[in-house]
Amino acid sequence: MNEDESLKPTNIPVEPPSPSHVSPYELLLRQSRKMGSFATRTYDITKEFLKTDVTQLRPDAALFKYRQRGGKQTENDESINAIVKYSHQVLASARTVLLPWSPFPDSVIVDRSKVTIIKQTFFWSSETITIRIEDILNVTSTLGPLFGSITISSRVMNSTDHFEIDSFWRKDAIYLKQIIQGYMIALHSKVDTSRLSKDELVHTLLQLGRDSKA
């Protein structure tokens, strides 16, 4: 070893090349590593989300993006609950009579927005049909000395356009027919029923739905 080489300093750290001296290949390699790391984190987060129990998710938060503050309902939550409660306010309901040829009772429920028909097919088995008031074309009733039936025709195209419910008590068939028919007349006449209380609305619908006597 000559004298010049022995005078050279040893263990001096070598500085990495400045960004201006990084080759395009090294830049591409760095970006690829960053994207791979990001993709891995996204995959892990998605996997954990899919494991979450869906029953813990709030439908109103998912659909309407409403959140509770401090464990209390916000004004938007209260407004939604009020609308739901208002639209589900029952105006009339009746159940068919249990008879030997009809051992499972059917039900008809009329609220402020729709008519719900529940046909009991067997024990703990039923078919539910929901028809908006606006979609009802006609309602008729067939009455006997004790029992009666109603038939509701709908404008919605389905496997059937009318639904017949038999074996009501006569008075229940008349009541349901008048309520539904009165609601149809009120909508056709553009009567504002939203301002009426439940009792006022029922009284008005019965008056409108009552058949004229010759």
Foldseek 3Di string as FASTA:
>chain_A
DDPVVVPDDPPDDDDDDDPVPDDPVVVVVVVVVVVVVVVVVVVVVVVVVVPDDPVPDDPCCVPVVADDDPPDHDPVRVVVVVVVVQQAAWLAKFWADQDPVRNDIWMWTDGNFWIWTWAADDVVDIDIDIGTLQFWDAKDKDDDPFWIKMKTAGPDDDPDRIDIHTHTTRVRRLLVQQQSQLSNVCVVVVPPCPPDDSVRSSVSSNVSSDDDDD
